[in-house]
Amino acid sequence: MRVKQWLSVGVASALVGFAGLASAQTFEGTINGQPRSWHVLSQGGDSTVSISQQGNQQMVVVQGHAEDNYGVKGTLTINAPMQNGQPASAPVVMYFPNATIFPVYVAVAQQPGKFDIKLSDATAQSTKVTGSYQGKLFRQDMHGKAPDMNDSIDIDVKFDLKALNMQ
């Protein structure tokens, strides 16, 4: 639970913190069967796709924006704690349908979806992150409130991206 709370605050901060960054990478998928693409925002030492060390785990963050510039509406985040090259737990997946942080659609433990991720080609600056997520996300109206299990979206996304290694 602590990881999920940390990620919720971290994602909100990241959504605000990357205003005005450039886009060079994209990834594709569908929401409720409708094709979508997401843009990775990056500039200098910042990127919305990153890997950071968290004790004996790595935290992989894949965040894409619906537009090739800052905007909350349509943003998708997949946050995956990794240990020894494998997911340490189910990813925290969030989709922001509006220009505000809430409501948000989130993955839930009862229906974690299908997740695959692989890290490769690591250098001091970056690591290749390849993977996919397929499952249902459920509407959450505010932080701390249980998701509405009667209001969901289907998501299917694939990514093959270069992640910035954070120090």
C-alpha atoms as a PDB file:
ATOM      1  CA  MET A   1       0.000   0.000   0.000  1.00  0.00           C
ATOM      2  CA  ARG A   2       2.868   2.414   0.784  1.00  0.00           C
ATOM      3  CA  VAL A   3       4.183   2.043  -2.794  1.00  0.00           C
ATOM      4  CA  LYS A   4       0.731   2.871  -4.198  1.00  0.00           C
ATOM      5  CA  GLN A   5       0.409   5.982  -2.020  1.00  0.00           C
ATOM      6  CA  TRP A   6       3.924   7.135  -2.943  1.00  0.00           C
ATOM      7  CA  LEU A   7       3.132   6.583  -6.616  1.00  0.00           C
ATOM      8  CA  SER A   8      -0.139   8.521  -6.461  1.00  0.00           C
ATOM      9  CA  VAL A   9       1.633  11.569  -5.073  1.00  0.00           C
ATOM     10  CA  GLY A  10       4.584  11.078  -7.429  1.00  0.00           C
ATOM     11  CA  VAL A  11       2.418  10.845 -10.525  1.00  0.00           C
ATOM     12  CA  ALA A  12       0.541  14.012  -9.633  1.00  0.00           C
ATOM     13  CA  SER A  13       3.872  15.794  -9.135  1.00  0.00           C
ATOM     14  CA  ALA A  14       5.231  14.450 -12.421  1.00  0.00           C
ATOM     15  CA  LEU A  15       2.144  15.598 -14.314  1.00  0.00           C
ATOM     16  CA  VAL A  16       2.740  19.114 -13.075  1.00  0.00           C
ATOM     17  CA  GLY A  17       6.547  19.046 -13.225  1.00  0.00           C
ATOM     18  CA  PHE A  18       7.053  18.302 -16.903  1.00  0.00           C
ATOM     19  CA  ALA A  19       5.312  21.311 -18.426  1.00  0.00           C
ATOM     20  CA  GLY A  20       6.928  22.538 -21.625  1.00  0.00           C
ATOM     21  CA  LEU A  21       9.057  19.482 -22.366  1.00  0.00           C
ATOM     22  CA  ALA A  22       9.671  18.084 -25.833  1.00  0.00           C
ATOM     23  CA  SER A  23       8.399  14.762 -27.179  1.00  0.00           C
ATOM     24  CA  ALA A  24      10.535  12.301 -29.136  1.00  0.00           C
ATOM     25  CA  GLN A  25       9.102   8.862 -28.315  1.00  0.00           C
ATOM     26  CA  THR A  26       5.575   7.486 -28.530  1.00  0.00           C
ATOM     27  CA  PHE A  27       3.762   4.280 -27.638  1.00  0.00           C
ATOM     28  CA  GLU A  28       0.453   2.852 -28.816  1.00  0.00           C
ATOM     29  CA  GLY A  29      -2.610   1.093 -27.491  1.00  0.00           C
ATOM     30  CA  THR A  30      -6.368   1.147 -27.195  1.00  0.00           C
ATOM     31  CA  ILE A  31      -8.928   2.333 -24.662  1.00  0.00           C
ATOM     32  CA  ASN A  32     -12.276   0.575 -24.997  1.00  0.00           C
ATOM     33  CA  GLY A  33     -11.081  -0.635 -28.401  1.00  0.00           C
ATOM     34  CA  GLN A  34     -10.330   2.885 -29.690  1.00  0.00           C
ATOM     35  CA  PRO A  35      -6.734   3.414 -30.937  1.00  0.00           C
ATOM     36  CA  ARG A  36      -4.608   5.842 -28.922  1.00  0.00           C
ATOM     37  CA  SER A  37      -1.029   7.008 -28.904  1.00  0.00           C
ATOM     38  CA  TRP A  38       0.910   8.591 -26.069  1.00  0.00           C
ATOM     39  CA  HIS A  39       3.918  10.900 -26.177  1.00  0.00           C
ATOM     40  CA  VAL A  40       6.892  10.663 -23.844  1.00  0.00           C
ATOM     41  CA  LEU A  41       7.977  14.125 -22.701  1.00  0.00           C
ATOM     42  CA  SER A  42      11.665  14.713 -22.113  1.00  0.00           C
ATOM     43  CA  GLN A  43      14.263  17.409 -22.002  1.00  0.00           C
ATOM     44  CA  GLY A  44      17.794  17.329 -20.670  1.00  0.00           C
ATOM     45  CA  GLY A  45      17.882  15.261 -17.486  1.00  0.00           C
ATOM     46  CA  ASP A  46      14.086  14.847 -17.198  1.00  0.00           C
ATOM     47  CA  SER A  47      11.773  12.326 -18.834  1.00  0.00           C
ATOM     48  CA  THR A  48       8.316  10.918 -18.232  1.00  0.00           C
ATOM     49  CA  VAL A  49       9.826   7.455 -18.801  1.00  0.00           C
ATOM     50  CA  SER A  50      12.440   6.716 -16.174  1.00  0.00           C
ATOM     51  CA  ILE A  51      14.038   4.160 -13.904  1.00  0.00           C
ATOM     52  CA  SER A  52      15.113   5.004 -10.370  1.00  0.00           C
ATOM     53  CA  GLN A  53      16.649   2.970  -7.577  1.00  0.00           C
ATOM     54  CA  GLN A  54      14.414   2.514  -4.491  1.00  0.00           C
ATOM     55  CA  GLY A  55      16.471   0.522  -1.992  1.00  0.00           C
ATOM     56  CA  ASN A  56      16.931  -2.969  -3.446  1.00  0.00           C
ATOM     57  CA  GLN A  57      14.248  -2.342  -6.096  1.00  0.00           C
ATOM     58  CA  GLN A  58      14.059  -0.317  -9.263  1.00  0.00           C
ATOM     59  CA  MET A  59      10.984   1.790  -9.978  1.00  0.00           C
ATOM     60  CA  VAL A  60      10.083   1.924 -13.669  1.00  0.00           C
ATOM     61  CA  VAL A  61       7.790   4.792 -14.647  1.00  0.00           C
ATOM     62  CA  VAL A  62       6.170   4.868 -18.095  1.00  0.00           C
ATOM     63  CA  GLN A  63       4.083   8.012 -18.501  1.00  0.00           C
ATOM     64  CA  GLY A  64       2.651   9.160 -21.808  1.00  0.00           C
ATOM     65  CA  HIS A  65       0.634  12.225 -22.721  1.00  0.00           C
ATOM     66  CA  ALA A  66      -2.148  12.358 -25.321  1.00  0.00           C
ATOM     67  CA  GLU A  67      -0.596  15.450 -26.884  1.00  0.00           C
ATOM     68  CA  ASP A  68       3.069  16.024 -27.690  1.00  0.00           C
ATOM     69  CA  ASN A  69       3.170  18.635 -24.948  1.00  0.00           C
ATOM     70  CA  TYR A  70       2.076  18.908 -21.333  1.00  0.00           C
ATOM     71  CA  GLY A  71      -1.511  18.113 -20.491  1.00  0.00           C
ATOM     72  CA  VAL A  72      -3.230  15.936 -17.920  1.00  0.00           C
ATOM     73  CA  LYS A  73      -6.177  14.907 -20.133  1.00  0.00           C
ATOM     74  CA  GLY A  74      -5.486  11.528 -21.721  1.00  0.00           C
ATOM     75  CA  THR A  75      -2.313  10.830 -19.732  1.00  0.00           C
ATOM     76  CA  LEU A  76      -1.480   7.190 -19.024  1.00  0.00           C
ATOM     77  CA  THR A  77       0.984   6.038 -16.362  1.00  0.00           C
ATOM     78  CA  ILE A  78       2.344   2.584 -15.638  1.00  0.00           C
ATOM     79  CA  ASN A  79       4.551   2.369 -12.553  1.00  0.00           C
ATOM     80  CA  ALA A  80       6.272  -0.951 -11.925  1.00  0.00           C
ATOM     81  CA  PRO A  81       8.521  -1.868  -9.003  1.00  0.00           C
ATOM     82  CA  MET A  82      11.177  -4.309 -10.238  1.00  0.00           C
ATOM     83  CA  GLN A  83      13.542  -6.614  -8.366  1.00  0.00           C
ATOM     84  CA  ASN A  84      16.195  -8.782 -10.010  1.00  0.00           C
ATOM     85  CA  GLY A  85      14.793  -7.926 -13.443  1.00  0.00           C
ATOM     86  CA  GLN A  86      11.250  -9.075 -12.588  1.00  0.00           C
ATOM     87  CA  PRO A  87       8.140  -7.189 -11.448  1.00  0.00           C
ATOM     88  CA  ALA A  88       8.133  -7.109  -7.621  1.00  0.00           C
ATOM     89  CA  SER A  89       4.357  -6.560  -7.565  1.00  0.00           C
ATOM     90  CA  ALA A  90       1.504  -5.640  -9.885  1.00  0.00           C
ATOM     91  CA  PRO A  91       2.012  -2.296 -11.615  1.00  0.00           C
ATOM     92  CA  VAL A  92       0.127   0.826 -10.614  1.00  0.00           C
ATOM     93  CA  VAL A  93      -1.724   1.827 -13.792  1.00  0.00           C
ATOM     94  CA  MET A  94      -3.645   5.106 -14.077  1.00  0.00           C
ATOM     95  CA  TYR A  95      -5.480   6.862 -16.897  1.00  0.00           C
ATOM     96  CA  PHE A  96      -6.587  10.492 -16.564  1.00  0.00           C
ATOM     97  CA  PRO A  97      -9.668  11.094 -18.785  1.00  0.00           C
ATOM     98  CA  ASN A  98      -9.993  14.812 -17.972  1.00  0.00           C
ATOM     99  CA  ALA A  99      -7.778  17.844 -17.524  1.00  0.00           C
ATOM    100  CA  THR A 100      -7.811  17.283 -13.746  1.00  0.00           C
ATOM    101  CA  ILE A 101      -6.125  14.713 -11.483  1.00  0.00           C
ATOM    102  CA  PHE A 102      -9.520  13.286 -10.423  1.00  0.00           C
ATOM    103  CA  PRO A 103     -11.437  11.360 -11.492  1.00  0.00           C
ATOM    104  CA  VAL A 104      -8.797   8.833 -12.554  1.00  0.00           C
ATOM    105  CA  TYR A 105      -9.137   5.250 -13.778  1.00  0.00           C
ATOM    106  CA  VAL A 106      -6.890   2.845 -11.834  1.00  0.00           C
ATOM    107  CA  ALA A 107      -5.898  -0.803 -11.814  1.00  0.00           C
ATOM    108  CA  VAL A 108      -7.138  -2.718  -8.767  1.00  0.00           C
ATOM    109  CA  ALA A 109      -5.704  -5.727  -6.936  1.00  0.00           C
ATOM    110  CA  GLN A 110      -8.880  -7.781  -7.505  1.00  0.00           C
ATOM    111  CA  GLN A 111      -8.373  -7.542 -11.297  1.00  0.00           C
ATOM    112  CA  PRO A 112      -4.682  -6.783 -11.845  1.00  0.00           C
ATOM    113  CA  GLY A 113      -4.685  -7.302 -15.614  1.00  0.00           C
ATOM    114  CA  LYS A 114      -1.931  -8.885 -17.689  1.00  0.00           C
ATOM    115  CA  PHE A 115       1.452  -7.174 -17.423  1.00  0.00           C
ATOM    116  CA  ASP A 116       4.760  -7.910 -19.105  1.00  0.00           C
ATOM    117  CA  ILE A 117       7.972  -5.895 -18.879  1.00  0.00           C
ATOM    118  CA  LYS A 118      11.590  -6.380 -19.860  1.00  0.00           C
ATOM    119  CA  LEU A 119      14.613  -4.168 -19.221  1.00  0.00           C
ATOM    120  CA  SER A 120      17.567  -4.381 -21.631  1.00  0.00           C
ATOM    121  CA  ASP A 121      20.435  -2.468 -23.223  1.00  0.00           C
ATOM    122  CA  ALA A 122      21.275  -0.583 -20.009  1.00  0.00           C
ATOM    123  CA  THR A 123      23.888   2.158 -20.096  1.00  0.00           C
ATOM    124  CA  ALA A 124      24.777   4.727 -17.449  1.00  0.00           C
ATOM    125  CA  GLN A 125      22.211   7.138 -18.966  1.00  0.00           C
ATOM    126  CA  SER A 126      19.340   4.938 -20.170  1.00  0.00           C
ATOM    127  CA  THR A 127      17.700   1.514 -20.290  1.00  0.00           C
ATOM    128  CA  LYS A 128      15.392   0.045 -22.918  1.00  0.00           C
ATOM    129  CA  VAL A 129      11.944  -0.732 -21.436  1.00  0.00           C
ATOM    130  CA  THR A 130       9.727  -3.081 -23.463  1.00  0.00           C
ATOM    131  CA  GLY A 131       6.360  -4.327 -22.293  1.00  0.00           C
ATOM    132  CA  SER A 132       2.609  -4.377 -22.344  1.00  0.00           C
ATOM    133  CA  TYR A 133      -0.415  -4.035 -20.112  1.00  0.00           C
ATOM    134  CA  GLN A 134      -3.890  -5.359 -20.833  1.00  0.00           C
ATOM    135  CA  GLY A 135      -6.761  -5.112 -18.375  1.00  0.00           C
ATOM    136  CA  LYS A 136      -9.557  -3.071 -16.837  1.00  0.00           C
ATOM    137  CA  LEU A 137      -9.136   0.228 -15.019  1.00  0.00           C
ATOM    138  CA  PHE A 138     -11.796   1.448 -12.581  1.00  0.00           C
ATOM    139  CA  ARG A 139     -12.938   5.007 -11.851  1.00  0.00           C
ATOM    140  CA  GLN A 140     -11.675   6.590  -8.632  1.00  0.00           C
ATOM    141  CA  ASP A 141     -13.236   9.964  -7.797  1.00  0.00           C
ATOM    142  CA  MET A 142     -10.769  11.149  -5.144  1.00  0.00           C
ATOM    143  CA  HIS A 143      -7.591  10.102  -3.330  1.00  0.00           C
ATOM    144  CA  GLY A 144      -8.332   7.530  -0.644  1.00  0.00           C
ATOM    145  CA  LYS A 145     -11.770   6.664  -2.021  1.00  0.00           C
ATOM    146  CA  ALA A 146     -12.346   3.114  -3.266  1.00  0.00           C
ATOM    147  CA  PRO A 147     -12.632   2.750  -7.035  1.00  0.00           C
ATOM    148  CA  ASP A 148     -16.119   2.249  -8.492  1.00  0.00           C
ATOM    149  CA  MET A 149     -16.119  -1.369  -9.677  1.00  0.00           C
ATOM    150  CA  ASN A 150     -19.169  -0.604 -11.871  1.00  0.00           C
ATOM    151  CA  ASP A 151     -17.386   2.067 -13.943  1.00  0.00           C
ATOM    152  CA  SER A 152     -14.449   0.712 -15.925  1.00  0.00           C
ATOM    153  CA  ILE A 153     -12.480   1.070 -19.135  1.00  0.00           C
ATOM    154  CA  ASP A 154     -10.561  -1.606 -21.039  1.00  0.00           C
ATOM    155  CA  ILE A 155      -6.967  -0.797 -21.848  1.00  0.00           C
ATOM    156  CA  ASP A 156      -4.436  -2.567 -24.047  1.00  0.00           C
ATOM    157  CA  VAL A 157      -1.064  -0.877 -24.459  1.00  0.00           C
ATOM    158  CA  LYS A 158       2.389  -1.832 -25.717  1.00  0.00           C
ATOM    159  CA  PHE A 159       5.611   0.113 -25.254  1.00  0.00           C
ATOM    160  CA  ASP A 160       9.216  -0.093 -26.451  1.00  0.00           C
ATOM    161  CA  LEU A 161      10.953   2.959 -25.043  1.00  0.00           C
ATOM    162  CA  LYS A 162      14.247   4.323 -23.838  1.00  0.00           C
ATOM    163  CA  ALA A 163      13.985   5.176 -20.133  1.00  0.00           C
ATOM    164  CA  LEU A 164      16.204   7.742 -18.473  1.00  0.00           C
ATOM    165  CA  ASN A 165      18.197   6.261 -15.589  1.00  0.00           C
ATOM    166  CA  MET A 166      17.660   8.620 -12.660  1.00  0.00           C
ATOM    167  CA  GLN A 167      20.433   9.025 -10.102  1.00  0.00           C
END
